Amino acid sequence: MIATVPTALEISDLRKTFGSLVALRGVSLELGRGERLALLGPNGAGKTTLIRCLSGRTRPDGGAVTIDGQDINEFGARDSLGLVPQEIAIYADLTTRENLDAFGRFHGLRGRDLKSRVDWALQWTGLADRAKHLVGSFSGGMKRRVNLACGVLHSPSVLLLDEPTVGVDPQSRERIFVMLDELSQLGTSILLTTHHLDEAQQRCDRIVIVDKGSVVANGTIGELVEQTVGRSRLVTLSIDRPLVAPIQLDGSAELIGETGSETVTARIDDVVVQLPALLESIRRSGYGVSDIDVSSPSLHHVFLHLTGRELRD
């Protein structure tokens, strides 16, 4: 018997319109305890509206949201929710510790509990040695870490992150995701939006893609690939002279190369069996191969297949 993961956040048939604009068309999804879920979609797909509805900044027109089994509109329910917006929302003229202390108080922490959580946050962010420094002097990545810490001081069971690594360098991105991994291991459920497909594919347990206000895909990267573009590999071969005529294949691969091109591409399902046969077909046709690239289907291919648009569009 397969154990089921308890649900931390459940969204059912959430709907929202702004005049004639339908922002959410009955969005439904679940977030498991300790799960990291990436919410993807082109600009205008409804991601920000969904986050705003969950955080209480926008009232939906219909649907239901529960957090830890409690209706999110009930008194105290949102105390279990943490929010880190895309815009850095900290005080530049306060020190790191002062920022953490202020946000801790906003969340109702006092006395020993407050001090304990602030001390934890300084260690968690790696900024203990900058506790007395004004955050206005920090780099973008350091500000992001303080911003993140301010959103989790009250130990929320569900954390909403809107573009947590926008505008930061690769080292800071890595540090932020190490921090998020630690939260996930402690049982925090994380829902994040991102424009970095590699972040979603490598750092999240599951992916939800929304477009035009609706969920168009929901699953692990393996499941999404299987359901959309399939698991065939794309093979690109550089040949030693322009292709003058279609290469006769043995039926084991689908040729994509064009006459006049110095590259031949093909889709194959079995690399071990079909790649040697493809190379032999090219050799028999009188061409030499100078380079070869084999690529697996990625989240990028899935996204384009489902939305027809780049994530940045």
C-alpha atoms as a PDB file:
ATOM      1  CA  MET A   1       0.000   0.000   0.000  1.00  0.00           C
ATOM      2  CA  ILE A   2       1.380   3.414  -1.027  1.00  0.00           C
ATOM      3  CA  ALA A   3       1.304   6.031   1.729  1.00  0.00           C
ATOM      4  CA  THR A   4      -0.343   9.298   0.763  1.00  0.00           C
ATOM      5  CA  VAL A   5       1.241  12.635   1.618  1.00  0.00           C
ATOM      6  CA  PRO A   6      -1.007  14.801   3.836  1.00  0.00           C
ATOM      7  CA  THR A   7      -2.394  17.858   2.057  1.00  0.00           C
ATOM      8  CA  ALA A   8      -1.178  21.193   3.404  1.00  0.00           C
ATOM      9  CA  LEU A   9      -2.946  23.482   0.918  1.00  0.00           C
ATOM     10  CA  GLU A  10      -5.982  22.669  -1.233  1.00  0.00           C
ATOM     11  CA  ILE A  11      -7.379  25.015  -3.874  1.00  0.00           C
ATOM     12  CA  SER A  12     -10.755  24.124  -5.370  1.00  0.00           C
ATOM     13  CA  ASP A  13     -12.372  25.816  -8.387  1.00  0.00           C
ATOM     14  CA  LEU A  14     -10.881  29.245  -7.644  1.00  0.00           C
ATOM     15  CA  ARG A  15     -12.293  31.950  -9.918  1.00  0.00           C
ATOM     16  CA  LYS A  16     -11.561  35.651 -10.353  1.00  0.00           C
ATOM     17  CA  THR A  17     -12.492  38.243 -12.941  1.00  0.00           C
ATOM     18  CA  PHE A  18     -11.531  41.889 -13.336  1.00  0.00           C
ATOM     19  CA  GLY A  19     -14.272  43.445 -15.435  1.00  0.00           C
ATOM     20  CA  SER A  20     -14.216  41.567 -18.741  1.00  0.00           C
ATOM     21  CA  LEU A  21     -10.850  39.939 -17.945  1.00  0.00           C
ATOM     22  CA  VAL A  22     -11.082  36.385 -16.626  1.00  0.00           C
ATOM     23  CA  ALA A  23      -7.940  35.941 -14.512  1.00  0.00           C
ATOM     24  CA  LEU A  24      -8.742  32.555 -12.923  1.00  0.00           C
ATOM     25  CA  ARG A  25     -11.035  29.995 -14.567  1.00  0.00           C
ATOM     26  CA  GLY A  26     -11.716  27.436 -11.857  1.00  0.00           C
ATOM     27  CA  VAL A  27      -8.150  26.679 -10.722  1.00  0.00           C
ATOM     28  CA  SER A  28      -7.798  23.553  -8.589  1.00  0.00           C
ATOM     29  CA  LEU A  29      -4.595  22.076  -7.151  1.00  0.00           C
ATOM     30  CA  GLU A  30      -3.133  20.552  -4.000  1.00  0.00           C
ATOM     31  CA  LEU A  31       0.152  21.070  -2.175  1.00  0.00           C
ATOM     32  CA  GLY A  32       1.416  18.202  -0.030  1.00  0.00           C
ATOM     33  CA  ARG A  33       3.126  18.483   3.324  1.00  0.00           C
ATOM     34  CA  GLY A  34       6.814  19.269   2.766  1.00  0.00           C
ATOM     35  CA  GLU A  35       6.333  19.402  -1.023  1.00  0.00           C
ATOM     36  CA  ARG A  36       7.997  21.958  -3.305  1.00  0.00           C
ATOM     37  CA  LEU A  37       5.596  22.937  -6.073  1.00  0.00           C
ATOM     38  CA  ALA A  38       6.515  25.214  -8.985  1.00  0.00           C
ATOM     39  CA  LEU A  39       3.754  27.351 -10.500  1.00  0.00           C
ATOM     40  CA  LEU A  40       4.616  28.262 -14.089  1.00  0.00           C
ATOM     41  CA  GLY A  41       2.892  30.185 -16.824  1.00  0.00           C
ATOM     42  CA  PRO A  42       3.404  32.976 -19.365  1.00  0.00           C
ATOM     43  CA  ASN A  43       2.870  36.561 -18.251  1.00  0.00           C
ATOM     44  CA  GLY A  44      -0.845  37.137 -17.764  1.00  0.00           C
ATOM     45  CA  ALA A  45      -1.572  33.456 -17.153  1.00  0.00           C
ATOM     46  CA  GLY A  46      -3.011  34.074 -13.677  1.00  0.00           C
ATOM     47  CA  LYS A  47      -0.083  33.215 -11.385  1.00  0.00           C
ATOM     48  CA  THR A  48       0.079  36.538  -9.562  1.00  0.00           C
ATOM     49  CA  THR A  49      -3.702  36.670  -9.152  1.00  0.00           C
ATOM     50  CA  LEU A  50      -3.650  33.207  -7.617  1.00  0.00           C
ATOM     51  CA  ILE A  51      -0.916  34.187  -5.143  1.00  0.00           C
ATOM     52  CA  ARG A  52      -2.804  37.364  -4.240  1.00  0.00           C
ATOM     53  CA  CYS A  53      -5.988  35.401  -3.621  1.00  0.00           C
ATOM     54  CA  LEU A  54      -4.161  32.959  -1.368  1.00  0.00           C
ATOM     55  CA  SER A  55      -2.455  35.720   0.601  1.00  0.00           C
ATOM     56  CA  GLY A  56      -5.675  37.700   1.111  1.00  0.00           C
ATOM     57  CA  ARG A  57      -4.655  40.644  -1.029  1.00  0.00           C
ATOM     58  CA  THR A  58      -7.397  39.873  -3.568  1.00  0.00           C
ATOM     59  CA  ARG A  59     -10.806  38.365  -2.878  1.00  0.00           C
ATOM     60  CA  PRO A  60     -11.742  35.591  -5.341  1.00  0.00           C
ATOM     61  CA  ASP A  61     -15.186  35.506  -6.940  1.00  0.00           C
ATOM     62  CA  GLY A  62     -15.687  31.829  -6.136  1.00  0.00           C
ATOM     63  CA  GLY A  63     -14.062  28.592  -5.089  1.00  0.00           C
ATOM     64  CA  ALA A  64     -12.511  27.432  -1.831  1.00  0.00           C
ATOM     65  CA  VAL A  65      -9.061  27.287  -0.233  1.00  0.00           C
ATOM     66  CA  THR A  66      -8.104  25.253   2.829  1.00  0.00           C
ATOM     67  CA  ILE A  67      -4.808  25.292   4.685  1.00  0.00           C
ATOM     68  CA  ASP A  68      -4.086  22.381   7.016  1.00  0.00           C
ATOM     69  CA  GLY A  69      -7.739  21.408   6.593  1.00  0.00           C
ATOM     70  CA  GLN A  70      -9.070  24.792   7.727  1.00  0.00           C
ATOM     71  CA  ASP A  71     -10.917  27.251   5.491  1.00  0.00           C
ATOM     72  CA  ILE A  72      -8.432  30.004   4.757  1.00  0.00           C
ATOM     73  CA  ASN A  73     -11.025  32.693   5.535  1.00  0.00           C
ATOM     74  CA  GLU A  74     -11.533  31.462   9.096  1.00  0.00           C
ATOM     75  CA  PHE A  75      -9.966  33.457  11.909  1.00  0.00           C
ATOM     76  CA  GLY A  76      -6.273  32.653  12.320  1.00  0.00           C
ATOM     77  CA  ALA A  77      -6.031  30.369   9.269  1.00  0.00           C
ATOM     78  CA  ARG A  78      -3.622  32.627   7.428  1.00  0.00           C
ATOM     79  CA  ASP A  79      -1.273  32.544  10.437  1.00  0.00           C
ATOM     80  CA  SER A  80      -0.112  29.231   8.926  1.00  0.00           C
ATOM     81  CA  LEU A  81       0.789  31.001   5.691  1.00  0.00           C
ATOM     82  CA  GLY A  82       4.070  32.738   4.860  1.00  0.00           C
ATOM     83  CA  LEU A  83       4.414  35.149   1.940  1.00  0.00           C
ATOM     84  CA  VAL A  84       7.597  36.417   0.286  1.00  0.00           C
ATOM     85  CA  PRO A  85       6.696  38.839  -2.540  1.00  0.00           C
ATOM     86  CA  GLN A  86       8.771  39.437  -5.653  1.00  0.00           C
ATOM     87  CA  GLU A  87       9.438  43.005  -4.545  1.00  0.00           C
ATOM     88  CA  ILE A  88      11.987  43.168  -1.743  1.00  0.00           C
ATOM     89  CA  ALA A  89       9.926  44.256   1.262  1.00  0.00           C
ATOM     90  CA  ILE A  90      12.398  45.072   4.032  1.00  0.00           C
ATOM     91  CA  TYR A  91      13.592  48.281   5.673  1.00  0.00           C
ATOM     92  CA  ALA A  92      16.798  49.575   4.092  1.00  0.00           C
ATOM     93  CA  ASP A  93      17.525  51.886   7.012  1.00  0.00           C
ATOM     94  CA  LEU A  94      17.383  49.093   9.611  1.00  0.00           C
ATOM     95  CA  THR A  95      19.979  46.452  10.398  1.00  0.00           C
ATOM     96  CA  THR A  96      19.446  42.769   9.625  1.00  0.00           C
ATOM     97  CA  ARG A  97      18.543  42.001  13.236  1.00  0.00           C
ATOM     98  CA  GLU A  98      16.242  45.016  13.469  1.00  0.00           C
ATOM     99  CA  ASN A  99      14.395  43.917  10.320  1.00  0.00           C
ATOM    100  CA  LEU A 100      13.968  40.396  11.636  1.00  0.00           C
ATOM    101  CA  ASP A 101      12.835  41.686  15.016  1.00  0.00           C
ATOM    102  CA  ALA A 102      10.273  43.993  13.397  1.00  0.00           C
ATOM    103  CA  PHE A 103       8.796  41.330  11.130  1.00  0.00           C
ATOM    104  CA  GLY A 104       8.774  38.833  13.973  1.00  0.00           C
ATOM    105  CA  ARG A 105       6.665  41.250  15.994  1.00  0.00           C
ATOM    106  CA  PHE A 106       4.348  41.742  13.007  1.00  0.00           C
ATOM    107  CA  HIS A 107       3.728  37.987  13.182  1.00  0.00           C
ATOM    108  CA  GLY A 108       3.001  38.086  16.897  1.00  0.00           C
ATOM    109  CA  LEU A 109       6.320  36.810  18.240  1.00  0.00           C
ATOM    110  CA  ARG A 110       7.504  38.182  21.589  1.00  0.00           C
ATOM    111  CA  GLY A 111      10.181  37.626  24.224  1.00  0.00           C
ATOM    112  CA  ARG A 112      12.197  34.424  24.101  1.00  0.00           C
ATOM    113  CA  ASP A 113      10.299  33.071  21.092  1.00  0.00           C
ATOM    114  CA  LEU A 114      11.161  36.172  19.091  1.00  0.00           C
ATOM    115  CA  LYS A 115      14.833  36.133  20.075  1.00  0.00           C
ATOM    116  CA  SER A 116      15.103  32.408  19.337  1.00  0.00           C
ATOM    117  CA  ARG A 117      13.575  32.783  15.860  1.00  0.00           C
ATOM    118  CA  VAL A 118      15.711  35.824  15.007  1.00  0.00           C
ATOM    119  CA  ASP A 119      18.869  33.974  16.076  1.00  0.00           C
ATOM    120  CA  TRP A 120      17.788  30.997  13.968  1.00  0.00           C
ATOM    121  CA  ALA A 121      17.121  33.222  10.940  1.00  0.00           C
ATOM    122  CA  LEU A 122      20.557  34.847  11.175  1.00  0.00           C
ATOM    123  CA  GLN A 123      22.202  31.432  11.096  1.00  0.00           C
ATOM    124  CA  TRP A 124      19.857  30.078   8.411  1.00  0.00           C
ATOM    125  CA  THR A 125      20.573  32.969   6.057  1.00  0.00           C
ATOM    126  CA  GLY A 126      24.314  32.895   6.755  1.00  0.00           C
ATOM    127  CA  LEU A 127      24.142  36.539   7.817  1.00  0.00           C
ATOM    128  CA  ALA A 128      24.937  36.251  11.509  1.00  0.00           C
ATOM    129  CA  ASP A 129      28.115  38.281  10.951  1.00  0.00           C
ATOM    130  CA  ARG A 130      25.999  41.006   9.294  1.00  0.00           C
ATOM    131  CA  ALA A 131      23.401  41.215  12.068  1.00  0.00           C
ATOM    132  CA  LYS A 132      24.299  44.836  12.909  1.00  0.00           C
ATOM    133  CA  HIS A 133      24.766  46.021   9.314  1.00  0.00           C
ATOM    134  CA  LEU A 134      22.170  48.157   7.508  1.00  0.00           C
ATOM    135  CA  VAL A 135      20.488  46.030   4.842  1.00  0.00           C
ATOM    136  CA  GLY A 136      20.478  48.999   2.470  1.00  0.00           C
ATOM    137  CA  SER A 137      24.179  48.323   1.914  1.00  0.00           C
ATOM    138  CA  PHE A 138      23.632  44.659   1.019  1.00  0.00           C
ATOM    139  CA  SER A 139      23.841  43.025  -2.400  1.00  0.00           C
ATOM    140  CA  GLY A 140      20.642  41.936  -4.126  1.00  0.00           C
ATOM    141  CA  GLY A 141      21.176  38.319  -3.137  1.00  0.00           C
ATOM    142  CA  MET A 142      21.707  39.187   0.542  1.00  0.00           C
ATOM    143  CA  LYS A 143      18.569  41.335   0.554  1.00  0.00           C
ATOM    144  CA  ARG A 144      16.641  38.410  -0.926  1.00  0.00           C
ATOM    145  CA  ARG A 145      17.830  36.173   1.913  1.00  0.00           C
ATOM    146  CA  VAL A 146      16.731  38.696   4.535  1.00  0.00           C
ATOM    147  CA  ASN A 147      13.411  39.109   2.718  1.00  0.00           C
ATOM    148  CA  LEU A 148      12.917  35.348   2.764  1.00  0.00           C
ATOM    149  CA  ALA A 149      13.778  35.085   6.452  1.00  0.00           C
ATOM    150  CA  CYS A 150      11.272  37.818   7.340  1.00  0.00           C
ATOM    151  CA  GLY A 151       8.525  35.744   5.692  1.00  0.00           C
ATOM    152  CA  VAL A 152       9.172  32.565   7.687  1.00  0.00           C
ATOM    153  CA  LEU A 153       9.951  33.832  11.194  1.00  0.00           C
ATOM    154  CA  HIS A 154       6.546  32.630  12.432  1.00  0.00           C
ATOM    155  CA  SER A 155       7.250  29.067  11.167  1.00  0.00           C
ATOM    156  CA  PRO A 156       4.436  28.891   8.570  1.00  0.00           C
ATOM    157  CA  SER A 157       3.359  25.462   7.396  1.00  0.00           C
ATOM    158  CA  VAL A 158       2.837  26.816   3.851  1.00  0.00           C
ATOM    159  CA  LEU A 159       5.176  29.297   2.165  1.00  0.00           C
ATOM    160  CA  LEU A 160       4.261  31.287  -0.961  1.00  0.00           C
ATOM    161  CA  LEU A 161       7.228  32.574  -2.950  1.00  0.00           C
ATOM    162  CA  ASP A 162       6.850  34.903  -5.914  1.00  0.00           C
ATOM    163  CA  GLU A 163      10.029  34.811  -8.043  1.00  0.00           C
ATOM    164  CA  PRO A 164      12.394  34.248  -5.073  1.00  0.00           C
ATOM    165  CA  THR A 165      15.589  34.471  -7.147  1.00  0.00           C
ATOM    166  CA  VAL A 166      14.794  37.257  -9.610  1.00  0.00           C
ATOM    167  CA  GLY A 167      17.769  39.532 -10.217  1.00  0.00           C
ATOM    168  CA  VAL A 168      20.324  37.566  -8.195  1.00  0.00           C
ATOM    169  CA  ASP A 169      23.616  35.972  -9.228  1.00  0.00           C
ATOM    170  CA  PRO A 170      24.048  32.171  -9.604  1.00  0.00           C
ATOM    171  CA  GLN A 171      25.799  31.822  -6.231  1.00  0.00           C
ATOM    172  CA  SER A 172      22.944  33.608  -4.459  1.00  0.00           C
ATOM    173  CA  ARG A 173      20.373  31.491  -6.292  1.00  0.00           C
ATOM    174  CA  GLU A 174      22.104  28.356  -5.063  1.00  0.00           C
ATOM    175  CA  ARG A 175      22.229  29.649  -1.490  1.00  0.00           C
ATOM    176  CA  ILE A 176      18.517  30.512  -1.554  1.00  0.00           C
ATOM    177  CA  PHE A 177      17.573  27.038  -2.737  1.00  0.00           C
ATOM    178  CA  VAL A 178      19.758  25.425  -0.090  1.00  0.00           C
ATOM    179  CA  MET A 179      17.761  27.483   2.432  1.00  0.00           C
ATOM    180  CA  LEU A 180      14.487  26.328   0.873  1.00  0.00           C
ATOM    181  CA  ASP A 181      15.664  22.711   0.937  1.00  0.00           C
ATOM    182  CA  GLU A 182      16.185  23.048   4.679  1.00  0.00           C
ATOM    183  CA  LEU A 183      12.659  24.390   5.128  1.00  0.00           C
ATOM    184  CA  SER A 184      11.236  21.560   3.058  1.00  0.00           C
ATOM    185  CA  GLN A 185      13.076  18.988   5.162  1.00  0.00           C
ATOM    186  CA  LEU A 186      11.520  20.557   8.264  1.00  0.00           C
ATOM    187  CA  GLY A 187       8.056  19.981   6.760  1.00  0.00           C
ATOM    188  CA  THR A 188       7.305  23.393   5.241  1.00  0.00           C
ATOM    189  CA  SER A 189       5.225  23.184   2.054  1.00  0.00           C
ATOM    190  CA  ILE A 190       6.468  25.558  -0.640  1.00  0.00           C
ATOM    191  CA  LEU A 191       4.597  27.016  -3.605  1.00  0.00           C
ATOM    192  CA  LEU A 192       6.781  29.185  -5.813  1.00  0.00           C
ATOM    193  CA  THR A 193       6.452  31.024  -9.081  1.00  0.00           C
ATOM    194  CA  THR A 194       9.538  31.343 -11.245  1.00  0.00           C
ATOM    195  CA  HIS A 195      10.642  32.332 -14.733  1.00  0.00           C
ATOM    196  CA  HIS A 196      13.640  29.995 -14.454  1.00  0.00           C
ATOM    197  CA  LEU A 197      12.562  26.661 -15.913  1.00  0.00           C
ATOM    198  CA  ASP A 198      15.756  25.012 -14.663  1.00  0.00           C
ATOM    199  CA  GLU A 199      14.791  25.956 -11.102  1.00  0.00           C
ATOM    200  CA  ALA A 200      11.399  24.339 -11.494  1.00  0.00           C
ATOM    201  CA  GLN A 201      12.788  21.186 -13.108  1.00  0.00           C
ATOM    202  CA  GLN A 202      15.737  20.647 -10.764  1.00  0.00           C
ATOM    203  CA  ARG A 203      14.488  22.059  -7.465  1.00  0.00           C
ATOM    204  CA  CYS A 204      10.792  21.229  -7.267  1.00  0.00           C
ATOM    205  CA  ASP A 205       8.969  17.962  -6.650  1.00  0.00           C
ATOM    206  CA  ARG A 206       6.049  18.783  -8.896  1.00  0.00           C
ATOM    207  CA  ILE A 207       5.076  21.366 -11.505  1.00  0.00           C
ATOM    208  CA  VAL A 208       1.764  23.074 -12.267  1.00  0.00           C
ATOM    209  CA  ILE A 209       1.477  25.058 -15.500  1.00  0.00           C
ATOM    210  CA  VAL A 210      -1.296  27.614 -15.884  1.00  0.00           C
ATOM    211  CA  ASP A 211      -2.305  29.453 -19.026  1.00  0.00           C
ATOM    212  CA  LYS A 212      -5.181  31.877 -19.608  1.00  0.00           C
ATOM    213  CA  GLY A 213      -6.376  31.357 -16.039  1.00  0.00           C
ATOM    214  CA  SER A 214      -6.588  27.553 -16.172  1.00  0.00           C
ATOM    215  CA  VAL A 215      -4.376  24.675 -15.078  1.00  0.00           C
ATOM    216  CA  VAL A 216      -3.115  23.014 -18.269  1.00  0.00           C
ATOM    217  CA  ALA A 217      -0.666  20.550 -16.679  1.00  0.00           C
ATOM    218  CA  ASN A 218       0.061  19.096 -13.254  1.00  0.00           C
ATOM    219  CA  GLY A 219       2.677  16.476 -12.417  1.00  0.00           C
ATOM    220  CA  THR A 220       6.327  15.598 -12.023  1.00  0.00           C
ATOM    221  CA  ILE A 221       8.693  16.485 -14.860  1.00  0.00           C
ATOM    222  CA  GLY A 222       8.710  12.827 -15.927  1.00  0.00           C
ATOM    223  CA  GLU A 223       4.917  12.693 -16.019  1.00  0.00           C
ATOM    224  CA  LEU A 224       4.630  15.946 -17.959  1.00  0.00           C
ATOM    225  CA  VAL A 225       7.177  14.828 -20.548  1.00  0.00           C
ATOM    226  CA  GLU A 226       5.363  11.518 -20.980  1.00  0.00           C
ATOM    227  CA  GLN A 227       1.980  13.226 -21.350  1.00  0.00           C
ATOM    228  CA  THR A 228       3.120  15.838 -23.871  1.00  0.00           C
ATOM    229  CA  VAL A 229       6.275  15.564 -25.981  1.00  0.00           C
ATOM    230  CA  GLY A 230       7.138  11.950 -25.184  1.00  0.00           C
ATOM    231  CA  ARG A 231      10.467  10.484 -24.106  1.00  0.00           C
ATOM    232  CA  SER A 232      12.180  10.276 -27.483  1.00  0.00           C
ATOM    233  CA  ARG A 233      15.674  11.804 -27.715  1.00  0.00           C
ATOM    234  CA  LEU A 234      16.617  14.481 -30.207  1.00  0.00           C
ATOM    235  CA  VAL A 235      19.912  13.648 -31.934  1.00  0.00           C
ATOM    236  CA  THR A 236      21.793  16.366 -33.826  1.00  0.00           C
ATOM    237  CA  LEU A 237      24.750  15.320 -35.991  1.00  0.00           C
ATOM    238  CA  SER A 238      27.192  17.642 -37.747  1.00  0.00           C
ATOM    239  CA  ILE A 239      28.198  16.220 -41.123  1.00  0.00           C
ATOM    240  CA  ASP A 240      31.267  17.024 -43.238  1.00  0.00           C
ATOM    241  CA  ARG A 241      29.399  18.534 -46.205  1.00  0.00           C
ATOM    242  CA  PRO A 242      25.912  19.867 -47.048  1.00  0.00           C
ATOM    243  CA  LEU A 243      23.193  17.286 -47.366  1.00  0.00           C
ATOM    244  CA  VAL A 244      22.351  16.903 -51.074  1.00  0.00           C
ATOM    245  CA  ALA A 245      19.499  14.409 -50.716  1.00  0.00           C
ATOM    246  CA  PRO A 246      17.473  12.767 -47.951  1.00  0.00           C
ATOM    247  CA  ILE A 247      19.381  10.010 -46.188  1.00  0.00           C
ATOM    248  CA  GLN A 248      17.808   6.591 -46.491  1.00  0.00           C
ATOM    249  CA  LEU A 249      17.200   5.309 -42.994  1.00  0.00           C
ATOM    250  CA  ASP A 250      16.350   1.810 -41.884  1.00  0.00           C
ATOM    251  CA  GLY A 251      13.088   2.883 -40.292  1.00  0.00           C
ATOM    252  CA  SER A 252      14.443   3.043 -36.748  1.00  0.00           C
ATOM    253  CA  ALA A 253      14.576   6.841 -36.578  1.00  0.00           C
ATOM    254  CA  GLU A 254      12.594   9.796 -37.800  1.00  0.00           C
ATOM    255  CA  LEU A 255      14.842  12.037 -39.934  1.00  0.00           C
ATOM    256  CA  ILE A 256      14.410  15.772 -39.453  1.00  0.00           C
ATOM    257  CA  GLY A 257      17.407  17.069 -41.434  1.00  0.00           C
ATOM    258  CA  GLU A 258      16.921  19.283 -44.508  1.00  0.00           C
ATOM    259  CA  THR A 259      18.661  19.248 -47.903  1.00  0.00           C
ATOM    260  CA  GLY A 260      21.511  21.788 -48.005  1.00  0.00           C
ATOM    261  CA  SER A 261      22.082  21.680 -44.262  1.00  0.00           C
ATOM    262  CA  GLU A 262      25.324  20.516 -42.651  1.00  0.00           C
ATOM    263  CA  THR A 263      23.417  19.082 -39.716  1.00  0.00           C
ATOM    264  CA  VAL A 264      21.089  16.108 -39.539  1.00  0.00           C
ATOM    265  CA  THR A 265      18.604  15.770 -36.704  1.00  0.00           C
ATOM    266  CA  ALA A 266      16.504  12.765 -35.830  1.00  0.00           C
ATOM    267  CA  ARG A 267      14.221  11.547 -33.064  1.00  0.00           C
ATOM    268  CA  ILE A 268      15.010   8.178 -31.574  1.00  0.00           C
ATOM    269  CA  ASP A 269      13.415   6.180 -28.765  1.00  0.00           C
ATOM    270  CA  ASP A 270      16.267   3.764 -27.972  1.00  0.00           C
ATOM    271  CA  VAL A 271      19.748   5.348 -27.948  1.00  0.00           C
ATOM    272  CA  VAL A 272      21.608   2.039 -27.605  1.00  0.00           C
ATOM    273  CA  VAL A 273      19.906   0.385 -30.580  1.00  0.00           C
ATOM    274  CA  GLN A 274      18.934   3.246 -32.863  1.00  0.00           C
ATOM    275  CA  LEU A 275      21.904   5.605 -32.617  1.00  0.00           C
ATOM    276  CA  PRO A 276      24.426   3.110 -34.108  1.00  0.00           C
ATOM    277  CA  ALA A 277      21.942   2.357 -36.887  1.00  0.00           C
ATOM    278  CA  LEU A 278      21.539   6.080 -37.593  1.00  0.00           C
ATOM    279  CA  LEU A 279      25.300   6.593 -37.743  1.00  0.00           C
ATOM    280  CA  GLU A 280      25.638   3.634 -40.101  1.00  0.00           C
ATOM    281  CA  SER A 281      22.926   5.030 -42.380  1.00  0.00           C
ATOM    282  CA  ILE A 282      24.806   8.331 -42.628  1.00  0.00           C
ATOM    283  CA  ARG A 283      28.109   6.544 -43.310  1.00  0.00           C
ATOM    284  CA  ARG A 284      26.557   4.434 -46.089  1.00  0.00           C
ATOM    285  CA  SER A 285      25.258   7.650 -47.667  1.00  0.00           C
ATOM    286  CA  GLY A 286      28.839   8.914 -47.964  1.00  0.00           C
ATOM    287  CA  TYR A 287      28.908  11.457 -45.138  1.00  0.00           C
ATOM    288  CA  GLY A 288      31.263  11.769 -42.198  1.00  0.00           C
ATOM    289  CA  VAL A 289      30.096  12.841 -38.740  1.00  0.00           C
ATOM    290  CA  SER A 290      32.199  15.474 -36.944  1.00  0.00           C
ATOM    291  CA  ASP A 291      30.042  16.042 -33.874  1.00  0.00           C
ATOM    292  CA  ILE A 292      26.979  14.620 -32.163  1.00  0.00           C
ATOM    293  CA  ASP A 293      24.570  15.876 -29.521  1.00  0.00           C
ATOM    294  CA  VAL A 294      21.851  13.845 -27.805  1.00  0.00           C
ATOM    295  CA  SER A 295      19.300  15.831 -25.787  1.00  0.00           C
ATOM    296  CA  SER A 296      16.436  14.600 -23.638  1.00  0.00           C
ATOM    297  CA  PRO A 297      13.035  16.297 -23.537  1.00  0.00           C
ATOM    298  CA  SER A 298      13.006  19.040 -20.907  1.00  0.00           C
ATOM    299  CA  LEU A 299      10.509  21.245 -19.133  1.00  0.00           C
ATOM    300  CA  HIS A 300      11.197  23.866 -21.807  1.00  0.00           C
ATOM    301  CA  HIS A 301       9.833  21.519 -24.496  1.00  0.00           C
ATOM    302  CA  VAL A 302       6.804  20.704 -22.322  1.00  0.00           C
ATOM    303  CA  PHE A 303       6.080  24.383 -21.684  1.00  0.00           C
ATOM    304  CA  LEU A 304       6.254  25.356 -25.348  1.00  0.00           C
ATOM    305  CA  HIS A 305       4.105  22.359 -26.288  1.00  0.00           C
ATOM    306  CA  LEU A 306       1.369  23.336 -23.819  1.00  0.00           C
ATOM    307  CA  THR A 307       1.333  27.127 -24.147  1.00  0.00           C
ATOM    308  CA  GLY A 308       2.992  27.821 -27.478  1.00  0.00           C
ATOM    309  CA  ARG A 309       4.900  30.615 -25.784  1.00  0.00           C
ATOM    310  CA  GLU A 310       8.193  31.234 -24.046  1.00  0.00           C
ATOM    311  CA  LEU A 311       7.887  31.738 -20.295  1.00  0.00           C
ATOM    312  CA  ARG A 312       9.100  35.324 -20.629  1.00  0.00           C
ATOM    313  CA  ASP A 313       6.414  36.264 -23.188  1.00  0.00           C
END
